[in-house]
Amino acid sequence: MDDAAEVAGFAWLGPAREDGPDQQDLGELYAIYVRPDAWGRGLGRALLAETMRRLRSDGFRGAILWVLEDNPRTRLFYEQAGWRFDGGVKEEEILARRVREVRYRIALEPTT
């Protein structure tokens, strides 16, 4: 999304990057970001709504995302949009620091 000709936020999505037989109809929200100076204006909700629309139109029946475990603001944002923690946990190294990420999941109703 742009704000007066400047990018205020973006979302990146596609097929789930996890392997397994039940992953073929699963999309993934790889990243969503809104500049902090643009918070509170509905840009994040608009990006998430468009992401969900695109995942549905691409035929995905469900979607996952990974979020830092120690990020209550972002976790609440997803929970308020209907995403639920599904028990998945992994550790990653980001900028030479070990962090824990948790997986959220949502069912997607097909478009008609």
Protein backbone atom coordinates (compact mmCIF):
# COMPACT_ATOMS: atom_id res chain seq x y z
CA MET A 1 0.00 0.00 0.00
CA ASP A 2 1.31 3.45 -0.67
CA ASP A 3 0.90 6.61 1.30
CA ALA A 4 1.33 9.81 -0.71
CA ALA A 5 3.53 8.04 -3.30
CA GLU A 6 5.61 6.28 -0.63
CA VAL A 7 5.29 2.63 0.27
CA ALA A 8 3.60 2.39 3.66
CA GLY A 9 3.34 -1.40 3.78
CA PHE A 10 3.49 -4.65 1.87
CA ALA A 11 2.43 -8.27 2.04
CA TRP A 12 4.13 -11.30 0.51
CA LEU A 13 2.27 -14.59 0.02
CA GLY A 14 2.33 -17.84 -1.91
CA PRO A 15 2.18 -21.61 -1.47
CA ALA A 16 3.09 -23.00 1.95
CA ARG A 17 6.82 -23.67 2.16
CA GLU A 18 6.32 -26.77 4.33
CA ASP A 19 6.50 -30.27 2.88
CA GLY A 20 3.82 -32.88 3.32
CA PRO A 21 0.82 -34.41 1.60
CA ASP A 22 -1.66 -32.09 3.34
CA GLN A 23 0.18 -28.94 2.22
CA GLN A 24 -0.97 -28.85 -1.43
CA ASP A 25 -4.06 -26.71 -0.75
CA LEU A 26 -2.25 -24.58 1.82
CA GLY A 27 -1.08 -21.03 1.21
CA GLU A 28 1.26 -19.00 3.36
CA LEU A 29 1.49 -15.39 4.37
CA TYR A 30 5.27 -15.05 4.26
CA ALA A 31 5.40 -11.48 5.49
CA ILE A 32 3.26 -8.45 6.15
CA TYR A 33 4.70 -5.11 7.18
CA VAL A 34 3.35 -1.63 7.82
CA ARG A 35 5.65 1.25 8.71
CA PRO A 36 5.18 2.19 12.38
CA ASP A 37 4.30 5.78 11.44
CA ALA A 38 1.34 4.36 9.46
CA TRP A 39 0.00 2.13 12.28
CA GLY A 40 -3.55 2.65 13.43
CA ARG A 41 -4.92 3.74 10.05
CA GLY A 42 -6.24 0.39 8.84
CA LEU A 43 -3.44 -0.36 6.39
CA GLY A 44 -2.55 -3.65 8.05
CA ARG A 45 -6.16 -4.80 8.03
CA ALA A 46 -6.51 -3.80 4.37
CA LEU A 47 -3.32 -5.67 3.44
CA LEU A 48 -4.45 -8.74 5.34
CA ALA A 49 -7.90 -8.66 3.70
CA GLU A 50 -6.32 -8.43 0.25
CA THR A 51 -3.92 -11.25 1.11
CA MET A 52 -6.83 -13.45 2.17
CA ARG A 53 -8.72 -12.58 -1.02
CA ARG A 54 -5.74 -13.52 -3.18
CA LEU A 55 -5.08 -16.77 -1.34
CA ARG A 56 -8.73 -17.75 -1.84
CA SER A 57 -8.73 -16.77 -5.50
CA ASP A 58 -5.57 -18.85 -6.01
CA GLY A 59 -7.54 -21.87 -4.77
CA PHE A 60 -5.97 -22.33 -1.35
CA ARG A 61 -8.29 -23.87 1.23
CA GLY A 62 -6.23 -22.80 4.23
CA ALA A 63 -3.22 -20.68 5.09
CA ILE A 64 -0.43 -20.51 7.63
CA LEU A 65 1.95 -17.84 8.84
CA TRP A 66 4.87 -17.71 11.23
CA VAL A 67 5.24 -14.92 13.79
CA LEU A 68 7.77 -14.24 16.51
CA GLU A 69 6.57 -15.82 19.74
CA ASP A 70 7.55 -12.69 21.66
CA ASN A 71 5.45 -10.28 19.57
CA PRO A 72 2.12 -9.87 21.37
CA ARG A 73 0.94 -6.93 19.28
CA THR A 74 1.26 -8.82 16.00
CA ARG A 75 -0.13 -12.06 17.44
CA LEU A 76 -3.22 -10.19 18.67
CA PHE A 77 -3.61 -8.60 15.22
CA TYR A 78 -3.78 -12.04 13.60
CA GLU A 79 -6.00 -13.50 16.32
CA GLN A 80 -8.50 -10.67 15.89
CA ALA A 81 -8.61 -11.54 12.18
CA GLY A 82 -9.48 -15.18 12.91
CA TRP A 83 -6.03 -16.82 12.76
CA ARG A 84 -5.28 -19.39 15.49
CA PHE A 85 -2.04 -20.75 16.93
CA ASP A 86 -1.89 -24.38 15.79
CA GLY A 87 0.94 -25.63 18.03
CA GLY A 88 3.75 -25.30 15.48
CA VAL A 89 6.98 -23.87 16.91
CA LYS A 90 10.42 -23.44 15.37
CA GLU A 91 13.65 -21.65 16.14
CA GLU A 92 15.40 -19.48 13.58
CA GLU A 93 18.49 -17.35 13.56
CA ILE A 94 17.71 -13.77 12.59
CA LEU A 95 20.51 -11.20 12.57
CA ALA A 96 22.77 -13.57 14.55
CA ARG A 97 20.12 -14.02 17.26
CA ARG A 98 18.07 -17.16 18.00
CA VAL A 99 14.33 -16.49 18.05
CA ARG A 100 11.25 -18.69 18.46
CA GLU A 101 8.46 -18.48 15.95
CA VAL A 102 4.95 -19.86 16.31
CA ARG A 103 2.66 -20.96 13.50
CA TYR A 104 -0.84 -19.63 12.98
CA ARG A 105 -3.45 -21.17 10.68
CA ILE A 106 -6.76 -20.16 9.14
CA ALA A 107 -9.32 -21.97 6.99
CA LEU A 108 -10.20 -20.21 3.74
CA GLU A 109 -13.69 -20.47 2.31
CA PRO A 110 -13.59 -20.91 -1.46
CA THR A 111 -14.68 -17.99 -3.61
CA THR A 112 -17.86 -18.47 -5.61
